[in-house]
């Protein structure tokens, strides 16, 4: 199996909000959480260190995520939501510290990546046989920039190891976002200008399309989209969450990578966990989105996987072929059935993200 890179996992949020322990298996977590409110809110767990090993998931982009209180209804989530940028800043710092503690306490299982040297250390380990498994490299990635109180804080965030910033989840003071449309604000434009000074990677995920298009024109640093799907394959999709072909062309022109999401609600318009059967959305539908990106690009160099696993959905809301993150490797044979060569498949499953990290990390 080729090495796999997953460009969006909500690990720290789950650890702090729900008490999940990702050193254990997803199966163990499900057993411990059976019948609990955690499953009611976030469904059954899909991630665990043993599953990372079985799926050869060598690197994961580990999110710094918090919702604004206006978008939270369940008490479990309200404890980790923010009202002000100061509160968002505190939560994001706590999550980044959580990743540091996870890596420090379990260096055999997790390592933080903030440089090409860190990435090489992780990849070399995975390329060396080991009966004890391999550490998963975690790349901190901020989802929604309200925790950055001003552009003056970017130097501190950079020194703390942050390398990827998305301006929006829902709308932020920097950018229109998911369910809260709007353009870049003047503050957002100033933040982008300052981000370029440090070569931060800009993640377009969750931004509203006018903001994405302006950012593609304005931002001089590297641009990616860690998790989202193709709007043209989702007719009448009810929100601004997916990427139009215009945005995808812009990302391809900027040599970006798009991580597709194996969430049924992002694969079939109108799908709902309360009304639909899992088998209605086969994993081949995800491959349709990968193939669409590759057809637009004319090559296999701009598609990847960004599972968004444990990010508000779980086992109940993914294609039936997926029991855990390990099963993302099943994408490979489906691509082969469509004529993709071994090198193309390796690119899509992990090579494209590795190439961008090798290019963009210091």
Protein backbone atom coordinates (compact mmCIF):
# COMPACT_ATOMS: atom_id res chain seq x y z
CA UNK A 1 0.00 0.00 0.00
CA UNK A 2 1.18 3.55 -0.67
CA UNK A 3 1.61 5.96 2.21
CA UNK A 4 -1.56 7.92 2.84
CA UNK A 5 -1.90 11.53 3.95
CA UNK A 6 -5.19 12.76 5.39
CA UNK A 7 -5.46 16.54 5.18
CA UNK A 8 -8.12 17.10 7.85
CA UNK A 9 -8.67 15.34 11.18
CA UNK A 10 -10.38 17.03 14.15
CA UNK A 11 -8.21 15.37 16.78
CA UNK A 12 -7.70 18.01 19.49
CA UNK A 13 -11.36 19.06 19.42
CA UNK A 14 -12.42 15.47 20.10
CA UNK A 15 -9.83 15.00 22.82
CA UNK A 16 -10.88 18.12 24.70
CA UNK A 17 -14.63 18.23 24.03
CA UNK A 18 -15.38 14.51 24.18
CA UNK A 19 -12.43 12.97 26.01
CA UNK A 20 -11.41 10.72 23.13
CA UNK A 21 -8.03 9.00 23.34
CA UNK A 22 -6.51 8.54 19.91
CA UNK A 23 -3.72 6.28 21.12
CA UNK A 24 -6.34 3.54 21.36
CA UNK A 25 -8.29 1.98 18.53
CA UNK A 26 -11.49 3.36 17.06
CA UNK A 27 -13.16 0.06 18.00
CA UNK A 28 -12.22 0.54 21.67
CA UNK A 29 -13.50 4.09 21.61
CA UNK A 30 -16.82 2.94 20.18
CA UNK A 31 -17.17 0.33 22.90
CA UNK A 32 -16.45 2.87 25.63
CA UNK A 33 -18.83 5.45 24.15
CA UNK A 34 -21.73 3.12 23.34
CA UNK A 35 -25.02 4.81 24.20
CA UNK A 36 -23.35 8.05 25.28
CA UNK A 37 -24.13 11.66 24.38
CA UNK A 38 -20.81 11.83 22.50
CA UNK A 39 -22.17 9.42 19.90
CA UNK A 40 -25.42 11.38 19.82
CA UNK A 41 -23.49 14.55 18.95
CA UNK A 42 -20.53 13.25 16.91
CA UNK A 43 -21.45 9.67 15.92
CA UNK A 44 -19.13 6.67 16.24
CA UNK A 45 -15.37 7.24 16.12
CA UNK A 46 -13.43 6.56 12.91
CA UNK A 47 -9.86 7.28 14.04
CA UNK A 48 -7.35 5.54 16.28
CA UNK A 49 -3.61 4.92 16.21
CA UNK A 50 -3.98 1.22 15.29
CA UNK A 51 -6.19 2.23 12.34
CA UNK A 52 -3.64 4.82 11.22
CA UNK A 53 -1.13 1.96 11.15
CA UNK A 54 -3.35 -0.45 9.21
CA UNK A 55 -4.15 2.23 6.66
CA UNK A 56 -0.54 3.43 6.38
CA UNK A 57 -1.71 6.94 7.25
CA UNK A 58 1.70 8.49 7.77
CA UNK A 59 0.64 12.14 8.07
CA UNK A 60 -2.54 13.90 9.17
CA UNK A 61 -3.32 17.60 9.13
CA UNK A 62 -4.49 18.12 12.72
CA UNK A 63 -7.03 20.89 13.06
CA UNK A 64 -7.24 23.77 15.49
CA UNK A 65 -11.00 24.21 15.51
CA UNK A 66 -13.62 25.91 17.64
CA UNK A 67 -17.14 27.02 16.73
CA UNK A 68 -18.61 30.42 17.60
CA UNK A 69 -21.21 30.09 20.33
CA UNK A 70 -23.93 31.29 17.93
CA UNK A 71 -23.53 28.06 15.95
CA UNK A 72 -23.63 25.61 18.88
CA UNK A 73 -26.69 23.94 20.35
CA UNK A 74 -25.41 20.97 22.37
CA UNK A 75 -23.99 21.54 25.84
CA UNK A 76 -21.01 19.26 25.16
CA UNK A 77 -19.89 21.66 22.43
CA UNK A 78 -20.77 24.92 24.20
CA UNK A 79 -17.96 24.37 26.71
CA UNK A 80 -15.43 24.67 23.89
CA UNK A 81 -17.05 27.40 21.80
CA UNK A 82 -16.11 31.08 21.74
CA UNK A 83 -17.86 34.42 21.98
CA UNK A 84 -14.85 36.67 21.43
CA UNK A 85 -11.52 36.52 19.63
CA UNK A 86 -9.80 36.30 23.02
CA UNK A 87 -11.78 33.16 23.81
CA UNK A 88 -11.03 31.71 20.37
CA UNK A 89 -7.34 32.46 20.88
CA UNK A 90 -7.36 30.65 24.21
CA UNK A 91 -9.08 27.58 22.76
CA UNK A 92 -6.74 27.34 19.77
CA UNK A 93 -3.69 27.68 21.99
CA UNK A 94 -5.04 24.95 24.24
CA UNK A 95 -5.51 22.67 21.23
CA UNK A 96 -2.01 23.31 19.93
CA UNK A 97 -0.68 22.54 23.41
CA UNK A 98 -2.78 19.36 23.36
CA UNK A 99 -0.96 18.23 20.22
CA UNK A 100 2.40 19.00 21.83
CA UNK A 101 1.49 17.00 24.91
CA UNK A 102 0.24 14.11 22.78
CA UNK A 103 3.51 14.00 20.86
CA UNK A 104 5.64 14.46 23.97
CA UNK A 105 3.88 11.74 25.94
CA UNK A 106 3.62 9.27 23.02
CA UNK A 107 6.60 9.96 20.72
CA UNK A 108 6.34 6.43 19.36
CA UNK A 109 2.82 7.19 18.12
CA UNK A 110 2.68 10.90 17.18
CA UNK A 111 5.20 13.53 16.05
CA UNK A 112 4.54 17.18 15.24
CA UNK A 113 5.60 18.42 11.82
CA UNK A 114 6.58 22.06 11.31
CA UNK A 115 9.55 21.70 8.95
CA UNK A 116 10.83 19.61 6.05
CA UNK A 117 13.23 17.97 8.50
CA UNK A 118 10.31 16.87 10.69
CA UNK A 119 8.50 15.51 7.65
CA UNK A 120 11.56 13.59 6.53
CA UNK A 121 11.93 12.06 9.98
CA UNK A 122 8.35 10.78 9.86
CA UNK A 123 8.54 9.48 6.29
CA UNK A 124 11.89 7.78 6.83
CA UNK A 125 10.40 5.96 9.81
CA UNK A 126 7.45 4.75 7.73
CA UNK A 127 9.77 3.56 4.98
CA UNK A 128 11.77 1.48 7.49
CA UNK A 129 10.16 -1.83 8.57
CA UNK A 130 9.12 -1.82 12.22
CA UNK A 131 7.20 -4.40 14.23
CA UNK A 132 6.19 -1.68 16.70
CA UNK A 133 4.50 0.60 14.19
CA UNK A 134 5.29 4.14 13.16
CA UNK A 135 4.59 7.63 14.52
CA UNK A 136 1.89 9.59 12.71
CA UNK A 137 3.08 13.04 11.70
CA UNK A 138 0.68 15.79 12.76
CA UNK A 139 0.65 19.07 10.84
CA UNK A 140 -1.29 21.71 12.85
CA UNK A 141 -3.86 23.45 10.66
CA UNK A 142 -6.09 26.31 11.85
CA UNK A 143 -9.73 26.08 10.72
CA UNK A 144 -11.23 29.55 11.10
CA UNK A 145 -8.89 32.39 11.98
CA UNK A 146 -10.87 34.16 14.71
CA UNK A 147 -8.24 32.92 17.16
CA UNK A 148 -5.68 35.20 15.51
CA UNK A 149 -6.52 38.47 17.20
CA UNK A 150 -4.39 40.56 14.86
CA UNK A 151 -1.80 40.13 12.13
CA UNK A 152 0.85 41.05 14.69
CA UNK A 153 0.31 37.62 16.32
CA UNK A 154 1.35 35.68 13.22
CA UNK A 155 5.00 35.58 14.21
CA UNK A 156 4.08 33.96 17.52
CA UNK A 157 1.83 31.41 15.85
CA UNK A 158 4.59 30.61 13.38
CA UNK A 159 7.09 30.11 16.19
CA UNK A 160 4.59 27.76 17.88
CA UNK A 161 4.61 25.57 14.76
CA UNK A 162 1.45 26.61 12.91
CA UNK A 163 1.90 26.45 9.13
CA UNK A 164 -1.63 26.27 7.65
CA UNK A 165 -4.40 28.82 8.18
CA UNK A 166 -7.98 28.78 6.92
CA UNK A 167 -9.73 32.11 7.34
CA UNK A 168 -13.22 30.71 7.86
CA UNK A 169 -15.35 27.94 9.29
CA UNK A 170 -18.61 29.81 9.31
CA UNK A 171 -18.11 33.50 8.71
CA UNK A 172 -15.32 35.20 10.64
CA UNK A 173 -14.26 38.81 10.84
CA UNK A 174 -11.74 37.96 8.11
CA UNK A 175 -13.94 36.21 5.56
CA UNK A 176 -17.39 35.06 4.64
CA UNK A 177 -17.76 31.36 5.28
CA UNK A 178 -19.95 28.29 5.38
CA UNK A 179 -23.62 29.24 5.89
CA UNK A 180 -22.55 32.87 6.47
CA UNK A 181 -21.61 34.18 3.02
CA UNK A 182 -19.57 37.23 2.28
CA UNK A 183 -16.31 38.49 0.77
CA UNK A 184 -12.93 39.05 2.34
CA UNK A 185 -13.03 41.91 4.82
CA UNK A 186 -10.39 44.61 4.93
CA UNK A 187 -9.03 42.90 8.03
CA UNK A 188 -8.89 39.66 6.05
CA UNK A 189 -6.93 41.33 3.27
CA UNK A 190 -4.44 42.68 5.80
CA UNK A 191 -4.10 39.24 7.39
CA UNK A 192 -3.39 37.64 4.01
CA UNK A 193 -0.70 40.20 3.29
CA UNK A 194 0.95 39.47 6.62
CA UNK A 195 0.59 35.68 6.19
CA UNK A 196 2.56 35.88 2.96
CA UNK A 197 5.54 37.31 4.84
CA UNK A 198 5.83 33.99 6.69
CA UNK A 199 4.79 31.80 3.74
CA UNK A 200 1.81 30.43 5.66
CA UNK A 201 -0.23 27.99 3.58
CA UNK A 202 -3.73 29.36 2.99
CA UNK A 203 -6.55 26.82 3.21
CA UNK A 204 -9.63 27.88 1.20
CA UNK A 205 -11.91 25.31 2.85
CA UNK A 206 -15.11 26.78 4.32
CA UNK A 207 -14.58 30.21 2.74
CA UNK A 208 -17.42 31.69 0.70
CA UNK A 209 -16.74 31.66 -3.05
CA UNK A 210 -16.22 35.45 -3.52
CA UNK A 211 -13.66 35.34 -0.72
CA UNK A 212 -11.97 32.28 -2.24
CA UNK A 213 -11.73 33.86 -5.67
CA UNK A 214 -10.28 37.08 -4.32
CA UNK A 215 -7.81 35.14 -2.19
CA UNK A 216 -6.68 33.18 -5.25
CA UNK A 217 -5.91 36.47 -6.99
CA UNK A 218 -4.52 38.30 -3.97
CA UNK A 219 -2.54 35.83 -1.89
CA UNK A 220 1.06 35.36 -2.99
CA UNK A 221 1.81 32.39 -0.73
CA UNK A 222 0.85 28.73 -1.23
CA UNK A 223 -2.86 27.87 -1.44
CA UNK A 224 -4.61 24.54 -0.83
CA UNK A 225 -8.09 23.23 0.03
CA UNK A 226 -7.83 20.62 2.76
CA UNK A 227 -11.40 19.30 2.78
CA UNK A 228 -14.29 19.80 0.38
CA UNK A 229 -15.92 18.30 -2.69
CA UNK A 230 -16.91 19.26 -6.24
CA UNK A 231 -20.02 21.41 -6.51
CA UNK A 232 -20.62 20.44 -10.13
CA UNK A 233 -21.26 16.84 -9.01
CA UNK A 234 -23.75 17.99 -6.36
CA UNK A 235 -26.68 19.65 -8.15
CA UNK A 236 -28.86 21.83 -5.91
CA UNK A 237 -26.48 21.52 -2.97
CA UNK A 238 -28.06 23.55 -0.16
CA UNK A 239 -25.03 25.50 1.10
CA UNK A 240 -21.86 27.24 -0.05
CA UNK A 241 -19.62 24.52 1.36
CA UNK A 242 -18.33 22.86 -1.85
CA UNK A 243 -15.90 24.03 -4.55
CA UNK A 244 -17.12 25.23 -7.94
CA UNK A 245 -15.15 24.40 -11.06
CA UNK A 246 -14.06 28.04 -11.17
CA UNK A 247 -12.44 27.68 -7.75
CA UNK A 248 -10.96 24.29 -8.65
CA UNK A 249 -9.39 25.74 -11.80
CA UNK A 250 -7.90 28.52 -9.66
CA UNK A 251 -6.45 26.04 -7.21
CA UNK A 252 -4.98 23.95 -10.02
CA UNK A 253 -3.43 27.05 -11.60
CA UNK A 254 -1.85 27.86 -8.23
CA UNK A 255 -0.50 24.28 -7.99
CA UNK A 256 -2.74 23.52 -5.03
CA UNK A 257 -4.21 20.23 -3.83
CA UNK A 258 -7.84 19.52 -2.93
CA UNK A 259 -8.67 16.97 -0.23
CA UNK A 260 -12.00 15.24 -0.94
CA UNK A 261 -14.32 14.25 1.92
CA UNK A 262 -15.95 10.79 2.30
CA UNK A 263 -18.98 12.21 4.12
CA UNK A 264 -22.28 11.08 2.63
CA UNK A 265 -23.81 14.51 3.07
CA UNK A 266 -21.05 15.91 0.82
CA UNK A 267 -21.39 13.10 -1.72
CA UNK A 268 -25.15 13.02 -2.30
CA UNK A 269 -27.33 16.12 -2.25
CA UNK A 270 -30.11 15.74 0.30
CA UNK A 271 -28.58 12.78 2.11
CA UNK A 272 -29.43 12.67 5.81
CA UNK A 273 -28.34 10.21 8.46
CA UNK A 274 -31.87 10.23 9.84
CA UNK A 275 -33.59 9.27 6.59
CA UNK A 276 -31.07 7.51 4.33
CA UNK A 277 -29.39 4.14 4.30
CA UNK A 278 -25.60 4.03 4.30
CA UNK A 279 -25.44 1.82 1.20
CA UNK A 280 -27.03 4.57 -0.86
CA UNK A 281 -23.66 6.35 -1.11
CA UNK A 282 -20.92 3.94 -2.25
CA UNK A 283 -17.24 4.80 -1.95
CA UNK A 284 -17.07 5.00 -5.73
CA UNK A 285 -18.96 8.31 -5.42
CA UNK A 286 -15.92 9.76 -3.65
CA UNK A 287 -13.78 8.55 -6.55
CA UNK A 288 -16.08 10.52 -8.88
CA UNK A 289 -14.92 13.70 -7.12
CA UNK A 290 -11.26 12.70 -7.30
CA UNK A 291 -11.63 11.91 -10.99
CA UNK A 292 -13.37 15.23 -11.65
CA UNK A 293 -10.45 17.15 -10.18
CA UNK A 294 -7.98 15.08 -12.17
CA UNK A 295 -9.94 15.63 -15.40
CA UNK A 296 -9.99 19.39 -14.82
CA UNK A 297 -6.25 19.36 -14.18
CA UNK A 298 -5.31 16.91 -16.90
CA UNK A 299 -3.15 15.01 -14.41
CA UNK A 300 -3.21 13.33 -10.98
CA UNK A 301 -1.22 16.03 -9.16
CA UNK A 302 -3.99 18.08 -7.54
CA UNK A 303 -6.32 15.62 -5.81
CA UNK A 304 -5.95 14.16 -2.34
CA UNK A 305 -8.02 12.99 0.62
CA UNK A 306 -9.14 15.22 3.49
CA UNK A 307 -11.48 12.96 5.40
CA UNK A 308 -12.72 15.45 8.04
CA UNK A 309 -13.03 12.36 10.23
CA UNK A 310 -14.55 12.76 13.64
CA UNK A 311 -15.56 16.26 12.55
CA UNK A 312 -19.24 16.25 13.44
CA UNK A 313 -19.95 12.90 11.76
CA UNK A 314 -18.73 9.34 12.14
CA UNK A 315 -19.36 5.75 11.14
CA UNK A 316 -23.06 6.33 10.57
CA UNK A 317 -22.41 8.92 7.83
CA UNK A 318 -19.69 7.46 5.62
CA UNK A 319 -19.84 5.04 2.66
CA UNK A 320 -20.46 1.43 3.73
CA UNK A 321 -16.98 0.32 2.64
CA UNK A 322 -15.46 2.50 5.39
CA UNK A 323 -15.29 1.20 8.94
CA UNK A 324 -12.37 3.40 9.97
CA UNK A 325 -9.67 5.66 8.56
CA UNK A 326 -7.73 2.52 7.57
CA UNK A 327 -10.28 1.88 4.83
CA UNK A 328 -9.33 5.01 2.92
CA UNK A 329 -6.84 2.69 1.22
CA UNK A 330 -9.83 1.16 -0.59
CA UNK A 331 -9.84 4.25 -2.78
CA UNK A 332 -6.73 2.91 -4.53
CA UNK A 333 -8.31 -0.18 -6.16
CA UNK A 334 -11.33 1.89 -7.21
CA UNK A 335 -9.02 4.33 -8.98
CA UNK A 336 -7.21 1.41 -10.62
CA UNK A 337 -10.54 0.15 -11.99
CA UNK A 338 -10.87 3.49 -13.78
CA UNK A 339 -7.49 3.21 -15.40
CA UNK A 340 -5.35 5.16 -12.95
CA UNK A 341 -1.79 3.90 -12.86
CA UNK A 342 0.12 2.98 -9.72
CA UNK A 343 1.99 6.28 -9.68
CA UNK A 344 -1.24 8.27 -10.04
CA UNK A 345 -2.81 6.38 -7.16
CA UNK A 346 0.23 7.01 -4.96
CA UNK A 347 -0.01 10.72 -5.81
CA UNK A 348 -3.67 10.92 -4.85
CA UNK A 349 -3.49 8.91 -1.65
CA UNK A 350 -0.54 10.80 -0.22
CA UNK A 351 2.15 11.86 -2.64
CA UNK A 352 0.53 15.14 -3.64
CA UNK A 353 0.25 16.33 -0.05
CA UNK A 354 3.79 15.19 0.69
CA UNK A 355 5.09 17.13 -2.33
CA UNK A 356 3.32 20.30 -1.20
CA UNK A 357 4.63 19.95 2.34
CA UNK A 358 8.15 19.41 1.03
CA UNK A 359 7.77 22.56 -1.05
CA UNK A 360 6.02 24.81 1.47
CA UNK A 361 7.44 23.89 4.87
CA UNK A 362 10.59 25.69 6.05
